[in-house]
PDB file of N, CA and C in Angstrom:
ATOM      1  N   UNK A   1     -12.961  -6.285  -1.655  1.00  0.00           N
ATOM      2  CA  UNK A   1     -12.352  -7.180  -2.754  1.00  0.00           C
ATOM      3  C   UNK A   1     -10.762  -7.577  -2.535  1.00  0.00           C
ATOM      4  N   UNK A   2     -10.848  -8.621  -2.771  1.00  0.00           N
ATOM      5  CA  UNK A   2      -9.553  -9.808  -3.032  1.00  0.00           C
ATOM      6  C   UNK A   2      -8.857  -9.134  -3.953  1.00  0.00           C
ATOM      7  N   UNK A   3      -7.217 -10.022  -3.626  1.00  0.00           N
ATOM      8  CA  UNK A   3      -6.455 -10.389  -4.784  1.00  0.00           C
ATOM      9  C   UNK A   3      -7.056 -10.904  -5.840  1.00  0.00           C
ATOM     10  N   UNK A   4      -7.670 -11.775  -5.826  1.00  0.00           N
ATOM     11  CA  UNK A   4      -8.069 -12.893  -6.821  1.00  0.00           C
ATOM     12  C   UNK A   4      -8.928 -12.088  -7.564  1.00  0.00           C
ATOM     13  N   UNK A   5     -10.137 -11.312  -6.761  1.00  0.00           N
ATOM     14  CA  UNK A   5     -11.364 -10.762  -7.383  1.00  0.00           C
ATOM     15  C   UNK A   5     -10.658  -9.414  -8.272  1.00  0.00           C
ATOM     16  N   UNK A   6      -9.609  -8.815  -7.681  1.00  0.00           N
ATOM     17  CA  UNK A   6      -9.413  -7.874  -8.065  1.00  0.00           C
ATOM     18  C   UNK A   6      -8.313  -8.207  -9.620  1.00  0.00           C
ATOM     19  N   UNK A   7      -7.906  -9.497  -9.826  1.00  0.00           N
ATOM     20  CA  UNK A   7      -7.083  -9.806 -10.908  1.00  0.00           C
ATOM     21  C   UNK A   7      -8.352 -10.188 -11.808  1.00  0.00           C
ATOM     22  N   UNK A   8      -9.490 -10.692 -11.504  1.00  0.00           N
ATOM     23  CA  UNK A   8     -10.055 -10.961 -11.868  1.00  0.00           C
ATOM     24  C   UNK A   8     -10.930 -10.191 -12.970  1.00  0.00           C
ATOM     25  N   UNK A   9     -11.106  -9.009 -12.164  1.00  0.00           N
ATOM     26  CA  UNK A   9     -11.952  -8.268 -12.862  1.00  0.00           C
ATOM     27  C   UNK A   9     -11.004  -7.070 -13.559  1.00  0.00           C
ATOM     28  N   UNK A  10      -9.943  -7.282 -13.535  1.00  0.00           N
ATOM     29  CA  UNK A  10      -8.595  -6.744 -14.294  1.00  0.00           C
ATOM     30  C   UNK A  10      -8.649  -7.455 -15.464  1.00  0.00           C
ATOM     31  N   UNK A  11      -8.217  -8.500 -15.531  1.00  0.00           N
ATOM     32  CA  UNK A  11      -8.439  -9.452 -16.660  1.00  0.00           C
ATOM     33  C   UNK A  11      -9.851  -9.089 -17.769  1.00  0.00           C
ATOM     34  N   UNK A  12     -10.965  -8.954 -17.208  1.00  0.00           N
ATOM     35  CA  UNK A  12     -12.253  -8.813 -17.954  1.00  0.00           C
ATOM     36  C   UNK A  12     -12.247  -7.438 -18.407  1.00  0.00           C
ATOM     37  N   UNK A  13     -12.036  -6.389 -17.515  1.00  0.00           N
ATOM     38  CA  UNK A  13     -11.860  -4.835 -18.099  1.00  0.00           C
ATOM     39  C   UNK A  13     -10.917  -4.744 -19.286  1.00  0.00           C
ATOM     40  N   UNK A  14      -9.761  -5.533 -19.215  1.00  0.00           N
ATOM     41  CA  UNK A  14      -8.467  -5.716 -20.292  1.00  0.00           C
ATOM     42  C   UNK A  14      -8.798  -6.265 -21.171  1.00  0.00           C
ATOM     43  N   UNK A  15      -9.541  -6.889 -21.222  1.00  0.00           N
ATOM     44  CA  UNK A  15      -9.902  -8.500 -22.056  1.00  0.00           C
ATOM     45  C   UNK A  15      -8.597  -9.449 -22.372  1.00  0.00           C
ATOM     46  N   UNK A  16      -8.014  -9.536 -21.546  1.00  0.00           N
ATOM     47  CA  UNK A  16      -6.933 -10.248 -21.431  1.00  0.00           C
ATOM     48  C   UNK A  16      -6.803 -11.682 -20.370  1.00  0.00           C
ATOM     49  N   UNK A  17      -6.070 -12.548 -20.358  1.00  0.00           N
ATOM     50  CA  UNK A  17      -6.162 -13.483 -19.253  1.00  0.00           C
ATOM     51  C   UNK A  17      -5.935 -13.527 -18.298  1.00  0.00           C
ATOM     52  N   UNK A  18      -6.364 -14.461 -17.476  1.00  0.00           N
ATOM     53  CA  UNK A  18      -6.357 -14.031 -15.580  1.00  0.00           C
ATOM     54  C   UNK A  18      -4.508 -14.259 -15.774  1.00  0.00           C
ATOM     55  N   UNK A  19      -3.941 -14.764 -16.277  1.00  0.00           N
ATOM     56  CA  UNK A  19      -2.681 -14.902 -16.003  1.00  0.00           C
ATOM     57  C   UNK A  19      -2.040 -13.901 -16.616  1.00  0.00           C
ATOM     58  N   UNK A  20      -2.269 -13.180 -17.060  1.00  0.00           N
ATOM     59  CA  UNK A  20      -1.758 -11.872 -17.769  1.00  0.00           C
ATOM     60  C   UNK A  20      -1.862 -10.801 -16.986  1.00  0.00           C
ATOM     61  N   UNK A  21      -3.183 -10.814 -16.452  1.00  0.00           N
ATOM     62  CA  UNK A  21      -3.651  -9.842 -15.556  1.00  0.00           C
ATOM     63  C   UNK A  21      -2.900  -9.799 -14.255  1.00  0.00           C
ATOM     64  N   UNK A  22      -2.551 -11.165 -14.166  1.00  0.00           N
ATOM     65  CA  UNK A  22      -1.963 -11.598 -12.765  1.00  0.00           C
ATOM     66  C   UNK A  22      -0.522 -11.153 -12.461  1.00  0.00           C
ATOM     67  N   UNK A  23       0.203 -11.367 -13.814  1.00  0.00           N
ATOM     68  CA  UNK A  23       1.424 -11.025 -13.903  1.00  0.00           C
ATOM     69  C   UNK A  23       1.509  -9.531 -14.020  1.00  0.00           C
ATOM     70  N   UNK A  24       0.307  -8.495 -14.798  1.00  0.00           N
ATOM     71  CA  UNK A  24       0.309  -7.519 -14.388  1.00  0.00           C
ATOM     72  C   UNK A  24       0.301  -6.744 -12.829  1.00  0.00           C
ATOM     73  N   UNK A  25      -0.650  -7.773 -11.971  1.00  0.00           N
ATOM     74  CA  UNK A  25      -0.709  -7.217 -10.798  1.00  0.00           C
ATOM     75  C   UNK A  25       0.881  -6.883  -9.999  1.00  0.00           C
ATOM     76  N   UNK A  26       1.662  -8.405 -10.525  1.00  0.00           N
ATOM     77  CA  UNK A  26       2.581  -8.718  -9.861  1.00  0.00           C
ATOM     78  C   UNK A  26       3.729  -7.702 -10.422  1.00  0.00           C
ATOM     79  N   UNK A  27       4.027  -7.317 -11.286  1.00  0.00           N
ATOM     80  CA  UNK A  27       4.893  -6.195 -11.494  1.00  0.00           C
ATOM     81  C   UNK A  27       4.509  -5.084 -11.193  1.00  0.00           C
ATOM     82  N   UNK A  28       2.718  -4.297 -11.027  1.00  0.00           N
ATOM     83  CA  UNK A  28       2.697  -3.618 -10.363  1.00  0.00           C
ATOM     84  C   UNK A  28       3.388  -3.447  -9.047  1.00  0.00           C
ATOM     85  N   UNK A  29       2.845  -4.374  -8.239  1.00  0.00           N
ATOM     86  CA  UNK A  29       3.062  -4.354  -6.669  1.00  0.00           C
ATOM     87  C   UNK A  29       4.853  -4.262  -6.750  1.00  0.00           C
ATOM     88  N   UNK A  30       5.394  -5.291  -7.536  1.00  0.00           N
ATOM     89  CA  UNK A  30       6.773  -5.548  -7.537  1.00  0.00           C
ATOM     90  C   UNK A  30       7.925  -3.895  -7.398  1.00  0.00           C
ATOM     91  N   UNK A  31       6.969  -3.609  -8.396  1.00  0.00           N
ATOM     92  CA  UNK A  31       7.618  -2.042  -8.642  1.00  0.00           C
ATOM     93  C   UNK A  31       7.247  -0.735  -7.465  1.00  0.00           C
ATOM     94  N   UNK A  32       6.508  -1.065  -7.058  1.00  0.00           N
ATOM     95  CA  UNK A  32       6.019  -0.223  -5.513  1.00  0.00           C
ATOM     96  C   UNK A  32       6.821  -0.467  -4.841  1.00  0.00           C
ATOM     97  N   UNK A  33       7.270  -1.466  -4.369  1.00  0.00           N
ATOM     98  CA  UNK A  33       7.641  -2.129  -3.692  1.00  0.00           C
ATOM     99  C   UNK A  33       9.050  -1.903  -3.424  1.00  0.00           C
ATOM    100  N   UNK A  34       9.555  -1.849  -4.643  1.00  0.00           N
ATOM    101  CA  UNK A  34      11.349  -1.759  -4.968  1.00  0.00           C
ATOM    102  C   UNK A  34      11.121  -0.213  -5.001  1.00  0.00           C
ATOM    103  N   UNK A  35      10.266   0.639  -5.311  1.00  0.00           N
ATOM    104  CA  UNK A  35      10.334   2.108  -5.158  1.00  0.00           C
ATOM    105  C   UNK A  35      10.591   2.598  -3.490  1.00  0.00           C
ATOM    106  N   UNK A  36       9.708   1.696  -2.882  1.00  0.00           N
ATOM    107  CA  UNK A  36       9.560   2.391  -1.266  1.00  0.00           C
ATOM    108  C   UNK A  36      11.034   1.901  -0.691  1.00  0.00           C
ATOM    109  N   UNK A  37      11.188   0.734  -1.022  1.00  0.00           N
ATOM    110  CA  UNK A  37      12.456   0.366  -0.394  1.00  0.00           C
ATOM    111  C   UNK A  37      13.721   1.115  -0.673  1.00  0.00           C
ATOM    112  N   UNK A  38      13.859   1.824  -1.707  1.00  0.00           N
ATOM    113  CA  UNK A  38      14.959   2.643  -2.052  1.00  0.00           C
ATOM    114  C   UNK A  38      14.613   4.217  -1.289  1.00  0.00           C
ATOM    115  N   UNK A  39      13.236   4.126  -0.871  1.00  0.00           N
ATOM    116  CA  UNK A  39      13.131   5.342   0.287  1.00  0.00           C
ATOM    117  C   UNK A  39      12.623   6.539  -0.589  1.00  0.00           C
ATOM    118  N   UNK A  40      11.711   6.136  -1.961  1.00  0.00           N
ATOM    119  CA  UNK A  40      11.276   7.279  -2.822  1.00  0.00           C
ATOM    120  C   UNK A  40       9.963   6.853  -3.030  1.00  0.00           C
ATOM    121  N   UNK A  41       9.255   7.737  -3.872  1.00  0.00           N
ATOM    122  CA  UNK A  41       7.712   7.660  -3.966  1.00  0.00           C
ATOM    123  C   UNK A  41       7.306   7.375  -4.587  1.00  0.00           C
ATOM    124  N   UNK A  42       6.035   7.128  -4.801  1.00  0.00           N
ATOM    125  CA  UNK A  42       5.430   6.178  -6.377  1.00  0.00           C
ATOM    126  C   UNK A  42       4.133   7.352  -6.206  1.00  0.00           C
ATOM    127  N   UNK A  43       4.254   7.997  -7.257  1.00  0.00           N
ATOM    128  CA  UNK A  43       3.068   8.613  -7.456  1.00  0.00           C
ATOM    129  C   UNK A  43       2.337   8.528  -8.433  1.00  0.00           C
ATOM    130  N   UNK A  44       0.778   8.204  -8.190  1.00  0.00           N
ATOM    131  CA  UNK A  44       0.136   7.981  -9.601  1.00  0.00           C
ATOM    132  C   UNK A  44      -1.091   9.184  -9.528  1.00  0.00           C
ATOM    133  N   UNK A  45      -0.544   9.863 -10.497  1.00  0.00           N
ATOM    134  CA  UNK A  45      -1.604  11.177 -10.540  1.00  0.00           C
ATOM    135  C   UNK A  45      -3.297  10.911 -10.705  1.00  0.00           C
ATOM    136  N   UNK A  46      -3.958  11.447  -9.493  1.00  0.00           N
ATOM    137  CA  UNK A  46      -5.632  11.051  -9.612  1.00  0.00           C
ATOM    138  C   UNK A  46      -5.751   9.942  -8.420  1.00  0.00           C
ATOM    139  N   UNK A  47      -4.786   9.292  -8.598  1.00  0.00           N
ATOM    140  CA  UNK A  47      -5.013   7.684  -7.823  1.00  0.00           C
ATOM    141  C   UNK A  47      -4.442   8.460  -6.060  1.00  0.00           C
ATOM    142  N   UNK A  48      -3.377   8.540  -6.212  1.00  0.00           N
ATOM    143  CA  UNK A  48      -2.705   8.920  -4.931  1.00  0.00           C
ATOM    144  C   UNK A  48      -1.109   8.678  -4.576  1.00  0.00           C
ATOM    145  N   UNK A  49      -0.027   8.597  -3.716  1.00  0.00           N
ATOM    146  CA  UNK A  49       1.221   8.857  -3.780  1.00  0.00           C
ATOM    147  C   UNK A  49       1.391   7.516  -2.718  1.00  0.00           C
ATOM    148  N   UNK A  50       2.173   6.604  -2.880  1.00  0.00           N
ATOM    149  CA  UNK A  50       2.625   5.951  -1.608  1.00  0.00           C
ATOM    150  C   UNK A  50       4.156   6.393  -1.605  1.00  0.00           C
ATOM    151  N   UNK A  51       4.214   6.448  -0.024  1.00  0.00           N
ATOM    152  CA  UNK A  51       5.673   6.574   0.323  1.00  0.00           C
ATOM    153  C   UNK A  51       6.014   5.928   1.417  1.00  0.00           C
ATOM    154  N   UNK A  52       6.923   6.593   2.218  1.00  0.00           N
ATOM    155  CA  UNK A  52       7.771   5.920   3.323  1.00  0.00           C
ATOM    156  C   UNK A  52       7.847   6.656   4.179  1.00  0.00           C
ATOM    157  N   UNK A  53       8.061   6.463   5.536  1.00  0.00           N
ATOM    158  CA  UNK A  53       8.178   7.159   6.745  1.00  0.00           C
ATOM    159  C   UNK A  53       8.677   6.491   7.417  1.00  0.00           C
ATOM    160  N   UNK A  54       8.990   7.505   8.611  1.00  0.00           N
ATOM    161  CA  UNK A  54      10.090   6.800  10.169  1.00  0.00           C
ATOM    162  C   UNK A  54       9.070   6.819  10.879  1.00  0.00           C
ATOM    163  N   UNK A  55       9.043   6.008  11.755  1.00  0.00           N
ATOM    164  CA  UNK A  55       8.305   5.965  13.332  1.00  0.00           C
ATOM    165  C   UNK A  55       9.387   6.435  14.089  1.00  0.00           C
ATOM    166  N   UNK A  56       9.570   6.894  15.122  1.00  0.00           N
ATOM    167  CA  UNK A  56      10.387   7.016  16.116  1.00  0.00           C
ATOM    168  C   UNK A  56      10.190   5.777  16.849  1.00  0.00           C
ATOM    169  N   UNK A  57      11.281   5.475  18.007  1.00  0.00           N
ATOM    170  CA  UNK A  57      11.277   4.315  19.194  1.00  0.00           C
ATOM    171  C   UNK A  57      10.695   4.717  20.314  1.00  0.00           C
ATOM    172  N   UNK A  58       9.601   3.928  21.272  1.00  0.00           N
ATOM    173  CA  UNK A  58       8.796   4.772  21.841  1.00  0.00           C
ATOM    174  C   UNK A  58       8.538   3.618  22.932  1.00  0.00           C
ATOM    175  N   UNK A  59       8.168   3.992  23.949  1.00  0.00           N
ATOM    176  CA  UNK A  59       7.676   3.040  24.962  1.00  0.00           C
ATOM    177  C   UNK A  59       6.074   3.171  25.096  1.00  0.00           C
ATOM    178  N   UNK A  60       5.859   1.589  24.872  1.00  0.00           N
ATOM    179  CA  UNK A  60       4.296   1.612  24.773  1.00  0.00           C
ATOM    180  C   UNK A  60       4.190   0.661  26.194  1.00  0.00           C
ATOM    181  N   UNK A  61       2.763   0.459  26.519  1.00  0.00           N
ATOM    182  CA  UNK A  61       2.389  -0.408  28.091  1.00  0.00           C
ATOM    183  C   UNK A  61       1.345  -1.441  27.298  1.00  0.00           C
ATOM    184  N   UNK A  62       1.684  -2.743  27.752  1.00  0.00           N
ATOM    185  CA  UNK A  62       0.962  -3.950  27.855  1.00  0.00           C
ATOM    186  C   UNK A  62      -0.241  -3.771  28.384  1.00  0.00           C
ATOM    187  N   UNK A  63      -1.377  -3.905  27.473  1.00  0.00           N
ATOM    188  CA  UNK A  63      -2.659  -3.871  28.607  1.00  0.00           C
ATOM    189  C   UNK A  63      -3.270  -4.315  29.560  1.00  0.00           C
ATOM    190  N   UNK A  64      -2.334  -5.603  29.463  1.00  0.00           N
ATOM    191  CA  UNK A  64      -2.929  -6.693  30.874  1.00  0.00           C
ATOM    192  C   UNK A  64      -2.061  -6.712  31.958  1.00  0.00           C
ATOM    193  N   UNK A  65      -0.756  -6.393  31.389  1.00  0.00           N
ATOM    194  CA  UNK A  65       0.117  -6.325  32.895  1.00  0.00           C
ATOM    195  C   UNK A  65       0.643  -4.871  33.549  1.00  0.00           C
ATOM    196  N   UNK A  66       0.102  -3.969  32.203  1.00  0.00           N
ATOM    197  CA  UNK A  66       0.362  -2.597  32.333  1.00  0.00           C
ATOM    198  C   UNK A  66       1.874  -2.072  32.577  1.00  0.00           C
ATOM    199  N   UNK A  67       2.432  -3.177  32.253  1.00  0.00           N
ATOM    200  CA  UNK A  67       4.141  -3.023  32.188  1.00  0.00           C
ATOM    201  C   UNK A  67       4.764  -2.386  30.938  1.00  0.00           C
ATOM    202  N   UNK A  68       5.887  -1.616  30.863  1.00  0.00           N
ATOM    203  CA  UNK A  68       6.470  -0.950  29.559  1.00  0.00           C
ATOM    204  C   UNK A  68       6.846  -1.936  28.810  1.00  0.00           C
ATOM    205  N   UNK A  69       6.397  -1.598  27.654  1.00  0.00           N
ATOM    206  CA  UNK A  69       7.594  -2.114  26.651  1.00  0.00           C
ATOM    207  C   UNK A  69       8.254  -1.279  25.551  1.00  0.00           C
ATOM    208  N   UNK A  70       9.434  -1.554  24.858  1.00  0.00           N
ATOM    209  CA  UNK A  70      10.102  -1.143  24.260  1.00  0.00           C
ATOM    210  C   UNK A  70       9.235  -1.550  22.909  1.00  0.00           C
ATOM    211  N   UNK A  71       8.934  -0.751  22.436  1.00  0.00           N
ATOM    212  CA  UNK A  71       8.422  -0.572  21.191  1.00  0.00           C
ATOM    213  C   UNK A  71      10.454   0.015  19.637  1.00  0.00           C
ATOM    214  N   UNK A  72      10.455  -0.344  19.184  1.00  0.00           N
ATOM    215  CA  UNK A  72      11.676   0.117  18.445  1.00  0.00           C
ATOM    216  C   UNK A  72      11.235   0.815  16.832  1.00  0.00           C
ATOM    217  N   UNK A  73      11.924   1.756  16.570  1.00  0.00           N
ATOM    218  CA  UNK A  73      12.188   2.412  15.806  1.00  0.00           C
ATOM    219  C   UNK A  73      11.918   1.875  14.265  1.00  0.00           C
ATOM    220  N   UNK A  74      10.802   1.901  13.061  1.00  0.00           N
ATOM    221  CA  UNK A  74      11.026   1.363  12.034  1.00  0.00           C
ATOM    222  C   UNK A  74      10.372   2.247  10.938  1.00  0.00           C
ATOM    223  N   UNK A  75      10.535   1.577   9.930  1.00  0.00           N
ATOM    224  CA  UNK A  75      10.540   2.333   8.499  1.00  0.00           C
ATOM    225  C   UNK A  75       8.464   1.918   7.925  1.00  0.00           C
ATOM    226  N   UNK A  76       7.597   2.933   7.685  1.00  0.00           N
ATOM    227  CA  UNK A  76       6.305   2.250   7.432  1.00  0.00           C
ATOM    228  C   UNK A  76       6.091   2.675   6.178  1.00  0.00           C
ATOM    229  N   UNK A  77       5.511   2.038   5.473  1.00  0.00           N
ATOM    230  CA  UNK A  77       4.361   2.608   4.363  1.00  0.00           C
ATOM    231  C   UNK A  77       3.442   3.507   4.580  1.00  0.00           C
ATOM    232  N   UNK A  78       3.219   4.463   3.532  1.00  0.00           N
ATOM    233  CA  UNK A  78       2.148   5.350   3.815  1.00  0.00           C
ATOM    234  C   UNK A  78       1.523   5.351   2.212  1.00  0.00           C
ATOM    235  N   UNK A  79       0.504   5.919   2.194  1.00  0.00           N
ATOM    236  CA  UNK A  79      -0.646   5.910   1.199  1.00  0.00           C
ATOM    237  C   UNK A  79      -1.431   7.030   1.527  1.00  0.00           C
ATOM    238  N   UNK A  80      -0.986   7.966   0.581  1.00  0.00           N
ATOM    239  CA  UNK A  80      -2.122   9.465   0.293  1.00  0.00           C
ATOM    240  C   UNK A  80      -2.958   9.653  -0.763  1.00  0.00           C
ATOM    241  N   UNK A  81      -4.592   9.425  -0.525  1.00  0.00           N
ATOM    242  CA  UNK A  81      -5.236   9.328  -2.029  1.00  0.00           C
ATOM    243  C   UNK A  81      -4.799  10.584  -2.503  1.00  0.00           C
ATOM    244  N   UNK A  82      -5.009  10.771  -4.105  1.00  0.00           N
ATOM    245  CA  UNK A  82      -5.222  11.808  -5.015  1.00  0.00           C
ATOM    246  C   UNK A  82      -6.535  12.531  -5.099  1.00  0.00           C
ATOM    247  N   UNK A  83      -6.567  13.858  -5.387  1.00  0.00           N
ATOM    248  CA  UNK A  83      -7.760  14.347  -5.026  1.00  0.00           C
ATOM    249  C   UNK A  83      -9.351  13.563  -6.322  1.00  0.00           C
ATOM    250  N   UNK A  84      -8.432  12.901  -7.068  1.00  0.00           N
ATOM    251  CA  UNK A  84      -9.710  12.339  -7.872  1.00  0.00           C
ATOM    252  C   UNK A  84     -10.464  11.186  -7.574  1.00  0.00           C
ATOM    253  N   UNK A  85      -9.521  10.200  -6.458  1.00  0.00           N
ATOM    254  CA  UNK A  85      -9.999   9.433  -5.648  1.00  0.00           C
ATOM    255  C   UNK A  85     -10.797   9.688  -4.247  1.00  0.00           C
ATOM    256  N   UNK A  86     -10.264  10.656  -3.714  1.00  0.00           N
ATOM    257  CA  UNK A  86     -10.868  11.159  -2.842  1.00  0.00           C
ATOM    258  C   UNK A  86     -11.952  11.590  -3.148  1.00  0.00           C
ATOM    259  N   UNK A  87     -12.354  12.299  -4.345  1.00  0.00           N
ATOM    260  CA  UNK A  87     -13.892  12.800  -4.554  1.00  0.00           C
ATOM    261  C   UNK A  87     -14.452  11.814  -5.027  1.00  0.00           C
ATOM    262  N   UNK A  88     -14.124  11.012  -5.208  1.00  0.00           N
ATOM    263  CA  UNK A  88     -14.888   9.455  -5.944  1.00  0.00           C
ATOM    264  C   UNK A  88     -15.577   9.043  -4.805  1.00  0.00           C
ATOM    265  N   UNK A  89     -14.811   8.762  -3.657  1.00  0.00           N
ATOM    266  CA  UNK A  89     -14.714   7.889  -2.550  1.00  0.00           C
ATOM    267  C   UNK A  89     -16.100   9.061  -1.758  1.00  0.00           C
ATOM    268  N   UNK A  90     -16.036   9.755  -2.170  1.00  0.00           N
ATOM    269  CA  UNK A  90     -16.577  10.993  -0.976  1.00  0.00           C
ATOM    270  C   UNK A  90     -18.048  11.171  -1.423  1.00  0.00           C
ATOM    271  N   UNK A  91     -18.367  11.184  -2.823  1.00  0.00           N
ATOM    272  CA  UNK A  91     -19.324  11.239  -3.593  1.00  0.00           C
ATOM    273  C   UNK A  91     -20.388  10.338  -3.137  1.00  0.00           C
TER     274      UNK A  91
END
């Protein structure tokens, strides 16, 4: 499902315009992003938890030349599905 398809479905399900659904989508993603930027978790009961974690710096290899490459440490976003979502997907 693409962003456009999701917004269209949200509008249909909620009985609102696509513009209103797009605003709701933007608000949702902006708020999750801001929460993660602060290093906090965002938990949606039954759906899942968005969080951040640190990846340590490491040395990797270029597969073409086999030369070592330094990969810097970085912060990454994570998502852990909730029980209800996991069960719905597995059924």
